[in-house]
Protein backbone atom coordinates (compact mmCIF):
# COMPACT_ATOMS: atom_id res chain seq x y z
CA MET A 1 -13.73 17.68 -4.54
CA GLU A 2 -11.39 20.19 -6.04
CA LYS A 3 -7.70 20.55 -6.83
CA THR A 4 -5.64 22.92 -4.69
CA LYS A 5 -2.04 24.09 -4.79
CA GLU A 6 -1.50 22.93 -1.20
CA ALA A 7 -2.28 19.25 -1.82
CA ARG A 8 -1.54 16.69 -4.52
CA PHE A 9 -4.95 15.08 -4.10
CA LEU A 10 -8.52 16.28 -4.40
CA VAL A 11 -9.83 17.94 -1.25
CA PRO A 12 -13.45 18.32 -0.12
CA VAL A 13 -15.19 21.64 -0.59
CA ALA A 14 -17.88 23.16 1.62
CA GLY A 15 -21.32 21.70 1.27
CA PRO A 16 -22.64 18.19 0.72
CA ASN A 17 -19.38 16.47 -0.18
CA GLY A 18 -19.47 13.81 -2.86
CA MET A 19 -22.93 14.75 -4.10
CA VAL A 20 -23.68 15.87 -7.65
CA GLN A 21 -27.11 17.09 -8.70
CA VAL A 22 -28.37 15.07 -11.69
CA GLN A 23 -31.59 15.67 -13.60
CA ASP A 24 -32.72 13.71 -16.67
CA ASP A 25 -29.33 11.93 -16.86
CA ARG A 26 -27.59 15.32 -17.01
CA ILE A 27 -25.47 17.00 -14.35
CA VAL A 28 -27.07 20.32 -13.40
CA SER A 29 -24.70 21.50 -10.67
CA GLY A 30 -21.35 23.16 -11.43
CA HIS A 31 -18.33 21.52 -13.10
CA GLU A 32 -20.45 19.49 -15.52
CA ASP A 33 -17.45 18.52 -17.65
CA TYR A 34 -15.39 17.32 -14.71
CA TYR A 35 -18.10 15.25 -13.01
CA GLY A 36 -19.51 14.07 -16.35
CA LYS A 37 -16.15 12.54 -17.23
CA ILE A 38 -16.00 10.72 -13.88
CA ILE A 39 -19.57 9.43 -14.12
CA ASN A 40 -19.15 8.24 -17.72
CA GLU A 41 -15.90 6.34 -17.02
CA GLU A 42 -16.13 2.60 -17.13
CA ALA A 43 -16.05 1.00 -13.69
CA ARG A 44 -12.77 -0.69 -12.86
CA ILE A 45 -12.98 -4.31 -11.82
CA PRO A 46 -10.68 -5.10 -8.89
CA SER A 47 -8.05 -7.71 -9.57
CA PRO A 48 -8.68 -11.06 -7.89
CA VAL A 49 -6.65 -11.99 -4.84
CA LYS A 50 -3.95 -14.50 -5.59
CA GLU A 51 -4.18 -17.47 -3.27
CA ASN A 52 -0.53 -18.45 -3.71
CA GLU A 53 0.72 -15.02 -2.65
CA SER A 54 1.14 -16.09 0.98
CA GLU A 55 3.50 -18.94 0.02
CA GLY A 56 6.24 -16.44 -0.83
CA TYR A 57 6.46 -15.39 2.79
CA LEU A 58 7.35 -18.89 3.90
CA LEU A 59 10.51 -18.84 1.80
CA GLU A 60 11.45 -15.42 3.19
CA ILE A 61 10.92 -16.59 6.76
CA LEU A 62 13.03 -19.71 6.19
CA LEU A 63 15.87 -17.71 4.63
CA PHE A 64 15.79 -15.16 7.44
CA SER A 65 15.81 -17.90 10.08
CA LEU A 66 18.64 -19.77 8.36
CA THR A 67 20.72 -16.57 8.17
CA GLY A 68 20.18 -15.95 11.88
CA PHE A 69 21.08 -19.54 12.76
CA ILE A 70 24.30 -19.42 10.72
CA THR A 71 25.24 -16.10 12.33
CA LEU A 72 24.63 -17.57 15.78
CA LEU A 73 26.83 -20.59 14.96
CA LEU A 74 29.64 -18.31 13.76
CA ILE A 75 29.45 -16.29 16.98
CA PHE A 76 29.64 -19.46 19.12
CA ARG A 77 32.58 -20.73 17.07
CA PHE A 78 34.41 -17.42 17.48
CA LEU A 79 33.79 -17.36 21.24
CA SER A 80 34.89 -20.98 21.70
CA ARG A 81 38.22 -20.35 19.94
CA GLU A 82 39.23 -17.52 22.24
CA LYS A 83 41.53 -18.64 24.98
CA PRO A 84 40.59 -17.41 28.42
CA LYS A 85 43.06 -14.84 29.65
CA SER A 86 44.38 -15.17 33.15
CA TYR A 87 45.22 -11.97 35.00
C-alpha cells in the first residue's frame, strides 16, 4: 500500500498486495521503516459489543409512533371541526 495525492487512504501497488518479505525477523523488501512500524505495533483489541445497545431503539420507536399518533389525532380534530360547505 502507498499514499497518493489522489486518495486520502492507502492504495494497492502492483505486485503481491499486502505481502512483505521477512527474513530472520527483519523486513528485507522496500520501505522497511514503514512496514516495520506497522508490524511492531501492538494489536488492538476490539471493544466488546454492548448487549443493552438495542434497548435504546425501543424508546426511539415508541417516541416516533407517539408523535405520529398525536399528529393523526390533530388532523382528525381539524377535519371534524370544518363545517361542510354547501354550493
